[in-house]
Protein backbone atom coordinates (compact mmCIF):
# COMPACT_ATOMS: atom_id res chain seq x y z
CA MET A 1 138.12 249.65 139.09
CA PRO A 2 134.33 249.65 138.57
CA ILE A 3 132.11 252.71 138.53
CA GLU A 4 130.77 253.36 141.99
CA GLN A 5 126.99 253.32 142.24
CA SER A 6 125.74 256.54 143.78
CA THR A 7 122.63 256.57 145.94
CA SER A 8 120.98 258.64 143.21
CA ASP A 9 121.44 255.93 140.55
CA LEU A 10 117.82 255.09 139.68
CA LEU A 11 116.38 251.75 138.68
CA THR A 12 114.64 252.66 135.45
CA GLY A 13 113.86 249.49 133.47
CA THR A 14 114.40 245.83 132.62
CA VAL A 15 116.38 244.31 129.77
CA LYS A 16 114.22 242.79 127.06
CA GLY A 17 116.96 241.40 124.83
CA PRO A 18 119.58 242.22 122.19
CA GLY A 19 119.19 245.06 119.72
CA GLU A 20 119.63 244.99 115.96
CA ARG A 21 123.42 245.38 116.22
CA SER A 22 125.83 243.37 118.31
CA HIS A 23 126.67 246.22 120.71
CA GLU A 24 123.06 247.23 121.32
CA TYR A 25 120.38 246.01 123.71
CA VAL A 26 116.75 246.88 124.39
CA PHE A 27 115.05 247.49 127.71
CA ILE A 28 111.46 248.20 128.76
CA THR A 29 110.48 251.12 130.97
CA THR A 30 107.54 253.24 132.01
CA ASP A 31 109.84 256.24 132.58
CA ASN A 32 108.87 258.66 129.85
CA LYS A 33 110.79 261.66 131.23
CA ARG A 34 114.29 260.26 131.79
CA ALA A 35 114.58 257.61 129.07
CA ARG A 36 115.45 259.95 126.21
CA ALA A 37 118.05 260.05 123.46
CA GLY A 38 121.50 261.01 124.70
CA GLU A 39 120.88 259.84 128.28
CA PHE A 40 123.20 257.36 130.01
CA VAL A 41 122.17 254.07 131.66
CA TYR A 42 124.03 250.97 132.83
CA TYR A 43 123.58 247.31 133.71
CA THR A 44 125.75 245.09 135.87
CA ALA A 45 127.83 242.25 134.41
CA HIS A 46 130.55 239.93 135.73
CA ASP A 47 133.90 240.13 133.93
CA GLY A 48 135.80 237.24 135.49
CA ALA A 49 135.96 237.96 139.22
CA ASN A 50 135.09 241.64 138.74
CA GLU A 51 131.65 243.15 138.78
CA ARG A 52 131.35 245.79 136.08
CA ARG A 53 128.73 248.42 135.47
CA ILE A 54 128.46 248.68 131.69
CA LEU A 55 127.53 252.19 130.67
CA GLY A 56 125.55 252.87 127.52
CA THR A 57 123.87 255.71 125.63
CA ILE A 58 120.18 255.73 124.79
CA THR A 59 119.95 256.08 121.02
CA SER A 60 116.23 255.65 120.30
CA ARG A 61 112.91 254.72 121.81
CA ARG A 62 109.48 253.64 120.67
CA LEU A 63 106.11 253.26 122.31
CA ALA A 64 105.60 249.54 123.01
CA ARG A 65 102.19 249.85 124.66
CA ASN A 66 99.81 252.76 124.94
CA LEU A 67 96.37 253.55 126.23
CA PRO A 68 93.58 252.50 123.83
CA ASP A 69 92.85 255.08 121.15
CA ALA A 70 89.32 255.54 122.50
CA PHE A 71 90.81 256.93 125.72
CA LEU A 72 92.49 259.66 123.69
CA ALA A 73 89.61 260.52 121.37
CA ASP A 74 88.16 263.49 123.29
CA PRO A 75 90.75 266.24 123.88
CA ASN A 76 88.49 267.77 126.53
CA VAL A 77 88.61 264.64 128.71
CA PRO A 78 92.04 263.69 130.14
CA PRO A 79 92.94 260.00 129.59
CA SER A 80 93.54 259.61 133.33
CA ILE A 81 89.85 260.26 134.05
CA VAL A 82 88.74 257.69 131.48
CA SER A 83 91.19 255.17 132.93
CA SER A 84 90.01 255.72 136.50
CA LEU A 85 86.38 255.10 135.50
CA ILE A 86 87.22 251.50 134.58
CA GLY A 87 89.64 250.96 137.45
CA LEU A 88 92.95 251.52 135.58
CA GLU A 89 95.82 253.78 136.51
CA ALA A 90 96.94 255.89 133.55
CA GLU A 91 100.49 255.92 134.84
CA GLY A 92 102.20 252.67 133.98
CA CYS A 93 99.92 251.89 131.06
CA GLU A 94 102.45 253.36 128.65
CA LEU A 95 105.49 251.15 128.07
CA TYR A 96 108.55 252.26 126.12
CA GLU A 97 111.08 250.10 124.32
CA ILE A 98 114.45 251.80 124.64
CA THR A 99 117.50 251.01 122.49
CA VAL A 100 120.91 251.44 124.12
CA GLU A 101 124.35 251.47 122.54
CA SER A 102 126.87 249.95 124.96
CA ILE A 103 130.03 251.94 125.74
CA GLY A 104 131.67 249.79 128.42
CA TYR A 105 133.01 250.30 131.91
CA PHE A 106 135.38 253.11 132.77
CA SER A 107 138.90 252.03 133.63
CA ARG A 108 140.59 254.59 135.84
CA GLN A 109 143.91 252.90 135.18
CA LEU A 110 143.56 253.48 131.43
CA GLY A 111 141.57 256.69 131.77
CA ASP A 112 139.16 255.42 129.13
CA PHE A 113 136.21 253.10 128.55
CA VAL A 114 136.71 249.38 128.02
CA ASN A 115 133.99 247.30 126.40
CA PRO A 116 134.23 243.67 127.65
CA ARG A 117 131.62 242.58 125.07
CA ILE A 118 129.40 241.03 127.75
CA PRO A 119 125.76 241.53 126.74
CA PRO A 120 123.04 241.86 129.37
CA GLN A 121 120.67 239.01 130.14
CA THR A 122 116.93 239.26 129.71
CA GLY A 123 115.48 240.51 132.96
CA ASP A 124 118.63 242.35 134.10
CA ALA A 125 117.99 245.66 135.86
CA VAL A 126 118.86 248.88 134.03
CA PHE A 127 119.87 251.93 136.06
CA LEU A 128 119.90 255.60 135.13
CA ALA A 129 123.47 256.73 135.84
CA SER A 130 123.70 259.45 138.46
CA SER A 131 125.15 262.88 137.76
CA ASN A 132 128.02 262.13 140.14
CA THR A 133 128.84 258.98 138.20
CA LEU A 134 128.73 260.77 134.85
CA SER A 135 130.81 263.71 136.07
CA SER A 136 133.60 261.30 136.96
CA VAL A 137 133.73 259.38 133.68
CA LEU A 138 132.50 261.42 130.69
CA SER A 139 135.33 263.98 130.69
CA SER A 140 139.01 263.15 130.88
CA ARG A 141 139.72 266.40 132.75
CA ARG A 142 138.08 268.35 135.57
CA ALA A 143 137.13 272.01 135.18
CA GLY A 144 139.98 274.20 136.34
CA ASP A 145 142.65 271.51 135.99
CA THR A 146 145.72 272.20 133.89
CA GLY A 147 144.87 271.24 130.31
CA SER A 148 141.08 271.47 130.78
CA ALA A 149 138.53 273.42 128.74
CA HIS A 150 135.11 273.59 130.42
CA LEU A 151 132.80 273.84 127.42
CA GLY A 152 129.41 273.28 129.04
CA SER A 153 127.27 270.59 130.65
CA LEU A 154 125.37 267.44 129.72
CA LEU A 155 122.25 268.36 127.75
CA THR A 156 120.03 265.67 129.31
CA ARG A 157 120.61 267.00 132.84
CA ASP A 158 120.07 270.39 134.45
CA ALA A 159 122.48 273.15 133.41
CA GLY A 160 125.81 272.77 135.19
CA GLU A 161 124.86 269.44 136.81
CA VAL A 162 127.30 267.32 134.77
CA PRO A 163 130.20 269.51 133.52
CA LEU A 164 131.69 268.55 130.16
CA VAL A 165 135.38 269.34 129.92
CA LEU A 166 137.62 268.89 126.87
CA SER A 167 141.21 267.73 127.13
CA VAL A 168 143.23 270.62 125.66
CA LYS A 169 146.21 268.34 125.08
CA ASP A 170 144.14 266.08 122.82
CA VAL A 171 142.36 268.98 121.11
CA VAL A 172 145.63 270.68 120.18
CA SER A 173 147.63 267.57 119.29
CA THR A 174 144.94 265.80 117.25
CA HIS A 175 143.10 268.88 115.95
CA LEU A 176 139.53 270.12 116.24
CA ALA A 177 136.50 270.73 114.01
CA ILE A 178 133.54 272.92 114.97
CA LEU A 179 130.70 272.25 112.52
CA ALA A 180 127.32 273.98 112.47
CA SER A 181 124.73 275.68 110.29
CA THR A 182 124.50 279.46 110.26
CA GLY A 183 123.15 280.78 113.55
CA ALA A 184 123.64 277.55 115.50
CA GLY A 185 126.38 279.09 117.66
CA LYS A 186 129.69 277.87 116.23
CA SER A 187 131.53 281.20 116.65
CA TYR A 188 130.03 281.58 120.12
CA THR A 189 131.31 278.12 121.04
CA ALA A 190 134.73 278.94 119.59
CA GLY A 191 134.75 282.01 121.82
CA VAL A 192 134.04 279.82 124.86
CA LEU A 193 136.95 277.57 123.88
CA VAL A 194 139.31 280.54 123.48
CA GLU A 195 138.27 281.85 126.90
CA GLU A 196 139.22 278.51 128.39
CA LEU A 197 142.55 278.50 126.55
CA MET A 198 143.35 281.95 127.97
CA MET A 199 142.58 280.91 131.56
CA PRO A 200 145.51 280.72 134.02
CA HIS A 201 145.36 276.91 133.99
CA ASN A 202 146.12 276.87 130.23
CA ARG A 203 147.86 280.11 129.13
CA ALA A 204 147.80 278.96 125.53
CA ALA A 205 149.40 280.46 122.42
CA VAL A 206 146.40 280.96 120.10
CA LEU A 207 145.97 282.51 116.66
CA ILE A 208 142.49 283.14 115.23
CA VAL A 209 142.06 283.69 111.49
CA ASP A 210 138.95 285.89 111.41
CA PRO A 211 137.53 286.64 107.92
CA HIS A 212 134.48 288.49 109.32
CA GLY A 213 135.82 290.55 112.24
CA GLU A 214 133.78 288.65 114.86
CA TYR A 215 136.45 288.05 117.47
CA ASP A 216 137.62 291.54 118.42
CA THR A 217 135.30 291.44 121.47
CA LEU A 218 137.75 288.97 123.03
CA ARG A 219 139.85 292.02 123.87
CA SER A 220 137.80 292.41 127.06
CA ILE A 221 139.68 289.36 128.42
CA GLU A 222 142.59 291.69 129.14
CA GLY A 223 140.72 293.65 131.78
CA ASP A 224 138.79 290.75 133.31
CA ASN A 225 140.05 289.54 136.68
CA ARG A 226 138.55 286.10 136.06
CA PHE A 227 141.42 285.45 133.65
CA THR A 228 144.24 286.65 135.89
CA HIS A 229 146.33 284.80 138.47
CA GLU A 230 148.02 285.81 141.70
CA ASP A 231 151.42 284.99 140.18
CA GLY A 232 151.02 287.99 137.89
CA TYR A 233 149.60 286.22 134.84
CA ARG A 234 147.36 288.47 132.75
CA PRO A 235 146.36 287.30 129.24
CA GLU A 236 146.87 289.47 126.19
CA VAL A 237 144.66 289.86 123.13
CA LYS A 238 146.33 291.29 120.03
CA ILE A 239 144.30 292.38 117.00
CA PHE A 240 145.91 292.69 113.56
CA THR A 241 143.66 294.60 111.16
CA HIS A 242 144.14 294.21 107.43
CA ASP A 243 146.42 297.27 107.17
CA ARG A 244 148.88 295.73 109.66
CA ILE A 245 149.10 292.36 107.94
CA LYS A 246 152.28 292.00 105.89
CA VAL A 247 153.66 288.93 104.11
CA ARG A 248 157.30 288.91 103.07
CA PHE A 249 157.46 288.38 99.32
CA SER A 250 160.33 285.90 99.51
CA SER A 251 158.18 283.64 101.72
CA LEU A 252 155.76 283.08 98.85
CA THR A 253 156.08 279.89 96.87
CA GLU A 254 155.97 279.73 93.10
CA ALA A 255 152.45 278.31 93.43
CA ASP A 256 151.40 281.28 95.62
CA ILE A 257 152.53 283.80 93.02
CA LYS A 258 150.87 281.93 90.16
CA TYR A 259 147.65 281.60 92.18
CA LEU A 260 147.46 285.36 92.67
CA LEU A 261 147.75 286.18 88.96
CA PRO A 262 144.49 287.06 87.19
CA GLU A 263 142.58 284.64 85.00
CA GLY A 264 143.77 284.49 81.42
CA THR A 265 147.46 284.13 82.27
CA SER A 266 148.74 281.80 79.56
CA ASP A 267 150.83 278.68 80.03
CA LYS A 268 153.71 280.43 78.26
CA MET A 269 153.58 283.31 80.76
CA LEU A 270 153.56 280.86 83.66
CA HIS A 271 156.59 279.12 82.11
CA TYR A 272 158.57 282.37 82.09
CA LEU A 273 157.52 283.03 85.67
CA SER A 274 158.75 279.58 86.73
CA GLN A 275 162.07 280.17 84.99
CA ALA A 276 162.53 283.50 86.76
CA TYR A 277 161.47 282.20 90.17
CA ARG A 278 163.80 279.20 90.05
CA SER A 279 166.70 281.26 88.76
CA LEU A 280 166.24 283.71 91.63
CA LYS A 281 166.14 280.89 94.17
CA GLU A 282 169.31 279.37 92.74
CA GLN A 283 171.14 282.71 92.89
CA ARG A 284 169.94 283.87 96.34
CA GLY A 285 169.41 280.59 98.18
CA GLU A 286 166.33 279.27 100.00
CA THR A 287 166.53 281.55 103.05
CA ALA A 288 167.71 284.82 101.44
CA LEU A 289 165.55 287.94 101.35
CA TRP A 290 164.43 289.26 98.01
CA GLY A 291 161.50 291.33 96.83
CA TYR A 292 159.02 291.66 94.03
CA HIS A 293 161.25 293.81 91.84
CA ASP A 294 164.02 291.20 92.05
CA LEU A 295 161.60 288.69 90.56
CA ARG A 296 160.45 291.23 88.00
CA ASP A 297 164.03 291.83 86.91
CA GLU A 298 164.51 288.09 86.38
CA VAL A 299 161.40 287.97 84.22
CA THR A 300 162.57 291.00 82.23
CA LYS A 301 165.97 289.40 81.55
CA GLN A 302 164.23 286.65 79.60
CA LYS A 303 162.79 289.25 77.25
CA TYR A 304 166.25 290.17 76.03
CA GLY A 305 168.04 286.85 76.38
CA ASP A 306 169.22 284.54 73.63
CA ASP A 307 167.09 281.61 72.63
CA ASP A 308 169.47 279.11 74.27
CA GLY A 309 167.14 277.23 76.58
CA ARG A 310 167.28 279.74 79.45
CA GLY A 311 166.74 282.98 77.62
CA ASN A 312 164.10 283.69 75.01
CA SER A 313 164.07 285.30 71.60
CA SER A 314 162.40 288.64 71.06
CA GLY A 315 159.49 286.80 69.47
CA ASN A 316 158.25 286.01 72.95
CA ALA A 317 158.42 289.60 74.12
CA SER A 318 154.66 290.04 73.98
CA SER A 319 154.10 287.12 76.38
CA ILE A 320 156.69 288.50 78.80
CA ASP A 321 155.20 291.99 78.59
CA GLY A 322 151.80 290.47 79.34
CA LEU A 323 153.26 288.63 82.35
CA LEU A 324 154.93 291.80 83.64
CA TRP A 325 151.66 293.70 83.37
CA ARG A 326 149.85 291.02 85.35
CA LEU A 327 152.57 290.91 88.00
CA ASP A 328 152.56 294.70 88.37
CA SER A 329 148.78 294.84 88.69
CA ARG A 330 148.91 292.40 91.61
CA PHE A 331 152.15 293.18 93.45
CA ASP A 332 153.34 296.67 92.48
CA ARG A 333 150.78 298.48 94.61
CA HIS A 334 151.35 300.87 97.48
CA GLU A 335 148.73 299.20 99.68
CA SER A 336 149.83 295.64 98.92
CA ILE A 337 150.09 293.23 101.85
CA PHE A 338 153.13 291.65 100.15
CA HIS A 339 156.32 293.43 101.17
CA ASP A 340 160.00 293.08 100.28
CA SER A 341 161.22 292.84 103.89
CA GLU A 342 158.35 293.23 106.35
CA HIS A 343 156.22 290.49 107.81
CA ILE A 344 154.63 289.71 111.17
CA PRO A 345 157.22 288.00 113.37
CA LEU A 346 156.11 284.64 114.71
CA ALA A 347 156.77 285.92 118.23
CA ASP A 348 154.06 288.55 117.63
CA LEU A 349 151.62 285.98 116.28
CA PHE A 350 152.18 283.40 119.01
CA HIS A 351 153.08 283.71 122.67
CA PRO A 352 151.86 281.70 125.68
CA GLY A 353 149.02 283.62 127.27
CA ARG A 354 148.26 285.60 124.11
CA CYS A 355 145.35 285.35 121.69
CA THR A 356 146.16 286.95 118.34
CA VAL A 357 143.35 287.77 115.91
CA LEU A 358 144.06 288.26 112.19
CA GLN A 359 141.17 290.26 110.73
CA LEU A 360 141.06 289.46 107.03
CA SER A 361 137.65 290.96 106.25
CA ASP A 362 139.05 293.66 103.91
CA ILE A 363 141.39 291.33 102.02
CA GLU A 364 140.42 289.49 98.83
CA GLN A 365 139.67 285.81 99.30
CA ASN A 366 142.54 284.53 97.16
CA GLU A 367 144.92 286.79 99.10
CA GLN A 368 143.45 285.47 102.35
CA GLN A 369 144.31 281.95 101.22
CA VAL A 370 147.88 282.95 100.38
CA VAL A 371 148.29 284.80 103.71
CA VAL A 372 147.07 281.77 105.68
CA GLY A 373 149.18 279.37 103.64
CA ALA A 374 152.33 281.49 104.06
CA ILE A 375 151.83 281.88 107.83
CA LEU A 376 151.11 278.18 108.39
CA ARG A 377 154.20 277.22 106.39
CA ARG A 378 156.33 279.52 108.53
CA VAL A 379 154.81 278.18 111.75
CA ASN A 380 155.24 274.56 110.74
CA LYS A 381 158.82 275.10 109.54
CA ALA A 382 159.70 276.95 112.76
CA ARG A 383 158.26 274.28 115.03
CA VAL A 384 160.02 271.50 113.11
CA ALA A 385 163.34 273.36 113.26
CA THR A 386 162.91 274.17 116.96
CA VAL A 387 161.95 270.63 117.98
CA ARG A 388 164.91 269.26 116.03
CA GLU A 389 167.17 271.90 117.64
CA GLU A 390 168.07 273.32 114.24
CA ALA A 391 166.84 276.88 114.90
CA GLU A 392 168.94 279.55 116.61
CA PRO A 393 167.13 281.20 119.56
CA THR A 394 167.60 284.61 117.91
CA SER A 395 166.22 283.57 114.51
CA ASP A 396 162.71 284.03 113.16
CA HIS A 397 162.46 280.24 112.87
CA PHE A 398 162.65 279.75 116.64
CA LEU A 399 159.26 278.93 118.19
CA PRO A 400 159.88 277.19 121.53
CA TYR A 401 156.28 276.33 122.50
CA PRO A 402 153.28 274.53 120.96
CA VAL A 403 150.73 276.69 119.16
CA PHE A 404 147.07 276.45 118.20
CA THR A 405 145.42 278.12 115.19
CA LEU A 406 141.65 278.50 114.76
CA LEU A 407 140.48 278.96 111.17
CA GLU A 408 137.03 280.54 110.92
CA GLU A 409 135.27 279.82 107.59
CA SER A 410 137.79 277.02 107.06
CA HIS A 411 136.10 275.86 103.84
CA ARG A 412 137.70 278.94 102.24
CA PHE A 413 141.16 277.62 103.00
CA ALA A 414 140.59 273.96 102.09
CA PRO A 415 137.58 273.84 99.75
CA ALA A 416 136.29 270.50 98.52
CA GLY A 417 137.00 269.74 94.87
CA GLN A 418 139.29 272.73 94.38
CA THR A 419 143.02 273.31 94.56
CA VAL A 420 144.01 276.38 96.57
CA VAL A 421 147.43 277.20 97.94
CA SER A 422 146.47 276.80 101.62
CA THR A 423 145.07 273.25 101.31
CA ASN A 424 148.35 271.36 101.05
CA ILE A 425 149.98 272.95 104.10
CA LEU A 426 146.80 272.31 106.09
CA LYS A 427 146.90 268.64 105.10
CA GLN A 428 150.56 268.45 106.07
CA ILE A 429 150.02 270.01 109.50
CA LEU A 430 146.93 267.92 110.20
CA SER A 431 148.82 264.72 109.43
CA GLU A 432 152.20 265.62 110.97
CA GLY A 433 151.58 268.55 113.34
CA ARG A 434 151.04 266.33 116.39
CA LYS A 435 154.75 265.47 116.46
CA PHE A 436 155.78 269.14 116.47
CA GLY A 437 153.10 270.86 118.55
CA VAL A 438 151.15 272.61 115.79
CA GLY A 439 147.41 272.36 116.42
CA ILE A 440 144.61 273.35 114.03
CA GLY A 441 140.96 274.12 114.74
CA LEU A 442 138.57 274.26 111.78
CA ILE A 443 135.29 276.17 112.03
CA THR A 444 132.76 276.00 109.21
CA GLN A 445 129.06 276.28 108.50
CA ARG A 446 129.35 274.16 105.37
CA PRO A 447 131.21 270.91 106.09
CA GLY A 448 130.09 269.66 102.67
CA LYS A 449 132.26 272.36 101.08
CA LEU A 450 135.32 271.45 103.18
CA ASP A 451 137.97 269.09 101.83
CA GLN A 452 137.12 265.66 103.26
CA ASP A 453 140.75 264.64 103.85
CA VAL A 454 141.17 267.77 105.94
CA LEU A 455 137.97 267.24 107.93
CA SER A 456 138.61 263.55 108.58
CA GLN A 457 141.94 264.32 110.29
CA CYS A 458 140.31 266.42 113.02
CA MET A 459 140.03 263.92 115.87
CA THR A 460 137.85 266.05 118.17
CA GLN A 461 134.52 267.34 116.91
CA ILE A 462 132.00 269.86 118.19
CA ILE A 463 128.97 269.37 115.97
CA MET A 464 125.97 271.68 116.30
CA ARG A 465 122.69 271.95 114.41
CA ILE A 466 123.10 270.95 110.77
CA VAL A 467 120.03 270.82 108.52
CA ASN A 468 121.54 270.62 105.04
CA PRO A 469 121.40 266.94 103.89
CA ILE A 470 124.73 267.21 102.03
CA ASP A 471 126.44 268.57 105.14
CA GLN A 472 124.82 265.85 107.29
CA ASP A 473 126.11 263.14 104.95
CA THR A 474 129.57 264.71 104.95
CA VAL A 475 129.71 264.70 108.74
CA ALA A 476 128.48 261.11 108.91
CA ARG A 477 131.19 259.97 106.47
CA SER A 478 134.06 262.00 107.89
CA VAL A 479 133.50 261.95 111.66
CA GLU A 480 134.37 258.59 113.15
CA GLY A 481 133.97 259.39 116.85
CA ALA A 482 130.24 260.16 116.98
CA GLY A 483 127.64 257.41 116.64
CA ARG A 484 125.17 257.54 113.77
CA GLN A 485 122.25 257.79 116.19
CA LEU A 486 123.69 260.88 117.88
CA LEU A 487 124.35 262.44 114.49
CA ALA A 488 120.69 261.85 113.65
CA GLU A 489 119.89 264.33 116.44
CA LEU A 490 121.70 267.21 114.69
CA PRO A 491 118.65 268.78 112.97
CA ALA A 492 116.78 268.84 116.29
CA LEU A 493 119.52 270.62 118.24
CA THR A 494 118.80 274.24 119.13
CA LYS A 495 121.19 277.16 119.40
CA GLY A 496 124.00 276.48 121.86
CA GLN A 497 123.55 272.68 121.86
CA ALA A 498 126.20 270.37 120.42
CA VAL A 499 127.43 266.82 120.09
CA LEU A 500 130.97 266.47 121.47
CA SER A 501 132.96 263.51 120.24
CA GLY A 502 136.46 262.28 119.57
CA ALA A 503 139.75 262.44 121.41
CA GLY A 504 138.86 265.42 123.61
CA VAL A 505 136.17 263.52 125.55
CA ASN A 506 135.89 259.93 126.78
CA THR A 507 132.70 259.19 124.83
CA PRO A 508 130.33 261.12 122.54
CA VAL A 509 127.95 263.33 124.53
CA MET A 510 125.25 265.92 123.93
CA CYS A 511 126.34 269.25 125.39
CA ARG A 512 124.72 272.50 126.46
CA VAL A 513 127.41 275.12 125.76
CA ARG A 514 128.06 277.38 128.76
CA GLU A 515 127.56 281.14 128.65
CA ARG A 516 130.48 283.21 127.47
CA LEU A 517 132.38 285.44 129.86
CA THR A 518 133.10 287.93 127.08
CA ARG A 519 130.64 289.53 124.69
CA HIS A 520 129.95 287.65 121.47
CA GLY A 521 130.90 289.58 118.35
CA GLY A 522 128.84 287.64 115.82
CA GLU A 523 125.27 288.46 116.86
CA THR A 524 122.63 288.66 114.14
CA PHE A 525 121.40 292.19 113.55
CA ASP A 526 117.76 292.92 114.39
CA ALA A 527 116.93 294.77 111.18
CA PRO A 528 113.39 295.99 112.15
CA ALA A 529 114.69 297.34 115.46
CA GLU A 530 117.59 299.11 113.68
CA TRP A 531 115.20 300.66 111.16
CA ALA A 532 112.83 301.85 113.88
CA ASN A 533 115.70 303.25 115.92
CA TRP A 534 116.90 305.29 112.93
CA HIS A 535 113.79 307.48 113.19
CA THR A 536 113.92 308.16 116.94
CA GLU A 537 114.61 311.67 118.13
CA GLY A 538 117.83 310.65 119.85
CA ALA A 539 119.23 308.96 116.73
CA ARG A 540 118.27 311.96 114.59
CA SER A 541 120.00 314.32 116.98
CA ARG A 542 123.17 312.23 116.99
CA ARG A 543 123.29 312.18 113.20
CA GLU A 544 122.95 315.93 113.08
CA GLN A 545 125.81 316.34 115.54
CA GLU A 546 128.04 313.87 113.72
CA SER A 547 127.51 315.67 110.40
CA GLY A 548 128.45 318.98 112.00
CA ILE A 549 125.02 320.56 111.62
CA LEU A 550 123.21 322.34 114.46
CA VAL A 551 119.47 322.80 114.22
CA GLN A 552 118.23 326.09 115.65
CA GLY A 553 114.60 326.74 116.27
CA ARG A 554 111.50 324.95 115.13
CA ALA A 555 111.67 326.59 111.74
CA GLY A 556 114.62 324.31 110.97
CA ARG A 557 117.10 327.09 110.09
CA LYS A 558 120.55 325.42 109.86
CA ILE A 559 124.04 326.82 110.42
CA GLU A 560 126.98 324.99 108.95
CA LYS A 561 129.62 324.14 111.49
CA VAL A 562 133.31 323.66 110.72
CA GLY A 563 134.18 320.03 111.46
CA PRO A 564 132.12 317.48 113.35
CA ILE A 565 131.35 317.71 117.04
CA GLN A 566 133.25 315.01 118.92
CA ILE A 567 130.87 312.92 121.02
């Protein structure tokens, strides 16, 4: 079924001929305002008995003809006045050569674009696609539909004129990447996406790994009637601060434990650790509970064993003592996040209609990586067991709904050129998670520092301003959905503007991200304003109250007060 031509579809130019590449063509226009990069135009072609309107994206333009330079020489005299003196109209004297990348016609039967590979003929009319036309074909969902995420509107049109809506099904099943330089709005955009996922038409099960504490403002969703439904649905936002995060020690792999040991741990020490870990697994089984001191006891046994292949002679006691010291310094601490029996149940981390935020800001980076790796392993194992009907409904491995995890600062958890314990499980989920309903969203300001295998498996991309050349090259190599010409626009994007591409939308588009319904928690501090505010009378008075000091009289005589005044 062809795209219907709205009455607002505008004739804008005439085809000149083919472009440099086989799927490009060039047209001539005098329309300087509308013929801009990222805009959509179409021409009409016959595909057998069907008339098709072949949509395309403007990728570049150049000035083909201009007013003579002499007309522009005096900045005090407008070129239109000079033109009128010799009987020329200034309008129409400028001609632009516009390059268009063909997309194809939209097939409603397939729900996608089809490119019939029919190039336009020289002299064919080129139309600017109307907003009604674009609204019906750019997004695979409509705002408010089940499985829709209204992210914003088309950048080349007025705000809200052409809504851009992601398909949540495709985002979750084929994974997402949000890429941007610092300050471009990636966390803000992630907040918009989470708002959409918490809406009554989605009611998603979302976990956010938050290394900076930026997402606690999402808690206001709970009291906002815009997120509720007449059937009683009311979303929940659960915040786990660092002191509430516990990882069961027996859920750690041998690699996790080795990764957490300090630098300088010798190969011999690691050998004894491997022996103890494997012996404990053999004795207790894969699913049994055991704690740090059980592992420590297994290590200690080797210190007094016979040199028979499993035990070790007393000559190796110093290495074992060194290993025990390193293990104690990491795991035998009162405030340790690694616990013999406690951990966060998966039902607390994930539940339809709940957004859970793990605040890792006060946890060391290598521990953050182990925490994320351990949780993702549990989630993946539970979803596999549940889908295969191998998990009992009462067990901790039962997770009867798809889940979505957003990883802020994802280059920490899958860094390029390094081996960390969270990388492998991320690769496994990104390649296999679609079959079991485990979705991943990666958010990073440095795509060049993110493992390229990990990035390339995210089939939906939200790409914002990126100015670093290494990061630009990384995106160009790893992101298949967005055209090179659109990616060339990345340095020119301003805050809140993005290129959407991949499985979540029907074709790459330039987007103006909508305003958030909740307050953003990642605003940049205005340092001069904060400094100036420090010296105001009100701020000084508050500090005096908070420190429990009352100032009496102009002479500044002070009386100590017991305890602070609660304000």
